[in-house]
């Protein structure tokens, strides 16, 4: 297996950025793309669409149930997602 640092270096684009892709998550050894996308979606819903919560509440419950089964680094993803989206959504608000 390739060294994680070499993997990270090899995934950087010529412009200097990285794509949010499964290969990057693997190189960082943290979280799969589906977990990250699900947490970001839940934070966005709670942070920006709370006024229409009745419309998305069931799909959020399904997502939370799926996240619980993943046994992943939810708190770290929550912290990063909140920072990225400029929110302050707590795990307990999501039901995690």
C-alpha atoms as a PDB file:
ATOM      1  CA  UNK A   1       0.000   0.000   0.000  1.00  0.00           C
ATOM      2  CA  UNK A   2       1.097   3.533  -0.827  1.00  0.00           C
ATOM      3  CA  UNK A   3       2.131   5.888   1.975  1.00  0.00           C
ATOM      4  CA  UNK A   4      -0.824   8.209   2.863  1.00  0.00           C
ATOM      5  CA  UNK A   5       1.327  11.315   2.306  1.00  0.00           C
ATOM      6  CA  UNK A   6       2.279  10.139  -1.171  1.00  0.00           C
ATOM      7  CA  UNK A   7      -1.371   9.349  -1.888  1.00  0.00           C
ATOM      8  CA  UNK A   8      -2.389  12.841  -0.833  1.00  0.00           C
ATOM      9  CA  UNK A   9       0.345  14.451  -2.921  1.00  0.00           C
ATOM     10  CA  UNK A  10      -0.607  12.363  -5.953  1.00  0.00           C
ATOM     11  CA  UNK A  11      -4.264  13.419  -5.687  1.00  0.00           C
ATOM     12  CA  UNK A  12      -3.569  17.166  -5.786  1.00  0.00           C
ATOM     13  CA  UNK A  13      -4.480  18.824  -9.075  1.00  0.00           C
ATOM     14  CA  UNK A  14      -1.980  20.954 -10.984  1.00  0.00           C
ATOM     15  CA  UNK A  15      -3.969  24.048  -9.963  1.00  0.00           C
ATOM     16  CA  UNK A  16      -3.299  23.261  -6.286  1.00  0.00           C
ATOM     17  CA  UNK A  17      -6.727  21.974  -5.192  1.00  0.00           C
ATOM     18  CA  UNK A  18      -8.029  18.535  -4.310  1.00  0.00           C
ATOM     19  CA  UNK A  19     -11.338  16.978  -5.373  1.00  0.00           C
ATOM     20  CA  UNK A  20     -13.651  15.701  -2.667  1.00  0.00           C
ATOM     21  CA  UNK A  21     -13.577  12.129  -3.895  1.00  0.00           C
ATOM     22  CA  UNK A  22     -13.432   8.638  -2.388  1.00  0.00           C
ATOM     23  CA  UNK A  23      -9.714   8.405  -3.158  1.00  0.00           C
ATOM     24  CA  UNK A  24      -9.045  11.449  -0.981  1.00  0.00           C
ATOM     25  CA  UNK A  25     -11.050  10.047   1.919  1.00  0.00           C
ATOM     26  CA  UNK A  26      -9.152   6.785   1.599  1.00  0.00           C
ATOM     27  CA  UNK A  27      -5.818   8.582   1.562  1.00  0.00           C
ATOM     28  CA  UNK A  28      -6.744  10.532   4.680  1.00  0.00           C
ATOM     29  CA  UNK A  29      -8.024   7.357   6.315  1.00  0.00           C
ATOM     30  CA  UNK A  30     -10.988   9.119   7.866  1.00  0.00           C
ATOM     31  CA  UNK A  31     -14.425   8.893   6.394  1.00  0.00           C
ATOM     32  CA  UNK A  32     -16.104   7.664   3.269  1.00  0.00           C
ATOM     33  CA  UNK A  33     -17.742  10.014   0.804  1.00  0.00           C
ATOM     34  CA  UNK A  34     -21.287   8.921   1.682  1.00  0.00           C
ATOM     35  CA  UNK A  35     -20.838   9.689   5.392  1.00  0.00           C
ATOM     36  CA  UNK A  36     -19.374  13.113   4.641  1.00  0.00           C
ATOM     37  CA  UNK A  37     -22.114  13.962   2.121  1.00  0.00           C
ATOM     38  CA  UNK A  38     -24.849  12.795   4.503  1.00  0.00           C
ATOM     39  CA  UNK A  39     -23.548  14.848   7.407  1.00  0.00           C
ATOM     40  CA  UNK A  40     -23.147  17.934   5.214  1.00  0.00           C
ATOM     41  CA  UNK A  41     -26.703  17.511   3.957  1.00  0.00           C
ATOM     42  CA  UNK A  42     -28.106  17.184   7.473  1.00  0.00           C
ATOM     43  CA  UNK A  43     -26.194  20.222   8.691  1.00  0.00           C
ATOM     44  CA  UNK A  44     -27.445  22.226   5.706  1.00  0.00           C
ATOM     45  CA  UNK A  45     -31.044  21.199   6.335  1.00  0.00           C
ATOM     46  CA  UNK A  46     -30.856  22.090  10.028  1.00  0.00           C
ATOM     47  CA  UNK A  47     -28.839  25.230   9.422  1.00  0.00           C
ATOM     48  CA  UNK A  48     -30.681  26.730   6.464  1.00  0.00           C
ATOM     49  CA  UNK A  49     -34.064  25.013   6.049  1.00  0.00           C
ATOM     50  CA  UNK A  50     -35.311  24.587   9.596  1.00  0.00           C
ATOM     51  CA  UNK A  51     -38.373  26.685   8.710  1.00  0.00           C
ATOM     52  CA  UNK A  52     -39.621  23.857   6.458  1.00  0.00           C
ATOM     53  CA  UNK A  53     -38.529  20.980   8.698  1.00  0.00           C
ATOM     54  CA  UNK A  54     -41.851  19.197   8.293  1.00  0.00           C
ATOM     55  CA  UNK A  55     -41.027  18.707   4.607  1.00  0.00           C
ATOM     56  CA  UNK A  56     -37.673  16.978   5.159  1.00  0.00           C
ATOM     57  CA  UNK A  57     -37.972  15.498   8.660  1.00  0.00           C
ATOM     58  CA  UNK A  58     -38.580  11.896   7.523  1.00  0.00           C
ATOM     59  CA  UNK A  59     -35.668  11.835   5.091  1.00  0.00           C
ATOM     60  CA  UNK A  60     -33.422  13.278   7.823  1.00  0.00           C
ATOM     61  CA  UNK A  61     -34.520  10.525  10.219  1.00  0.00           C
ATOM     62  CA  UNK A  62     -33.641   7.935   7.601  1.00  0.00           C
ATOM     63  CA  UNK A  63     -30.228   9.557   7.076  1.00  0.00           C
ATOM     64  CA  UNK A  64     -29.520   9.648  10.823  1.00  0.00           C
ATOM     65  CA  UNK A  65     -30.446   5.988  11.139  1.00  0.00           C
ATOM     66  CA  UNK A  66     -28.035   5.161   8.319  1.00  0.00           C
ATOM     67  CA  UNK A  67     -25.263   7.256   9.922  1.00  0.00           C
ATOM     68  CA  UNK A  68     -25.642   5.461  13.256  1.00  0.00           C
ATOM     69  CA  UNK A  69     -25.002   2.163  11.494  1.00  0.00           C
ATOM     70  CA  UNK A  70     -21.804   3.414   9.844  1.00  0.00           C
ATOM     71  CA  UNK A  71     -19.697   3.524  13.009  1.00  0.00           C
ATOM     72  CA  UNK A  72     -17.737   6.474  11.659  1.00  0.00           C
ATOM     73  CA  UNK A  73     -16.142   9.674  12.978  1.00  0.00           C
ATOM     74  CA  UNK A  74     -19.377  11.650  13.200  1.00  0.00           C
ATOM     75  CA  UNK A  75     -18.211  14.339  15.643  1.00  0.00           C
ATOM     76  CA  UNK A  76     -15.151  15.212  13.566  1.00  0.00           C
ATOM     77  CA  UNK A  77     -17.311  15.418  10.443  1.00  0.00           C
ATOM     78  CA  UNK A  78     -19.890  17.539  12.274  1.00  0.00           C
ATOM     79  CA  UNK A  79     -17.189  19.975  13.358  1.00  0.00           C
ATOM     80  CA  UNK A  80     -15.728  20.219   9.865  1.00  0.00           C
ATOM     81  CA  UNK A  81     -19.152  20.474   8.219  1.00  0.00           C
ATOM     82  CA  UNK A  82     -20.274  23.245  10.559  1.00  0.00           C
ATOM     83  CA  UNK A  83     -17.074  25.157   9.854  1.00  0.00           C
ATOM     84  CA  UNK A  84     -17.466  24.669   6.107  1.00  0.00           C
ATOM     85  CA  UNK A  85     -21.115  25.752   6.023  1.00  0.00           C
ATOM     86  CA  UNK A  86     -20.863  28.425   8.713  1.00  0.00           C
ATOM     87  CA  UNK A  87     -23.357  26.671  10.981  1.00  0.00           C
ATOM     88  CA  UNK A  88     -23.477  25.628  14.629  1.00  0.00           C
ATOM     89  CA  UNK A  89     -25.661  22.525  14.398  1.00  0.00           C
ATOM     90  CA  UNK A  90     -25.121  20.110  17.290  1.00  0.00           C
ATOM     91  CA  UNK A  91     -25.158  16.303  17.083  1.00  0.00           C
ATOM     92  CA  UNK A  92     -28.155  16.084  19.390  1.00  0.00           C
ATOM     93  CA  UNK A  93     -30.153  18.387  17.076  1.00  0.00           C
ATOM     94  CA  UNK A  94     -29.672  15.767  14.377  1.00  0.00           C
ATOM     95  CA  UNK A  95     -30.591  12.936  16.716  1.00  0.00           C
ATOM     96  CA  UNK A  96     -27.092  11.464  16.766  1.00  0.00           C
END
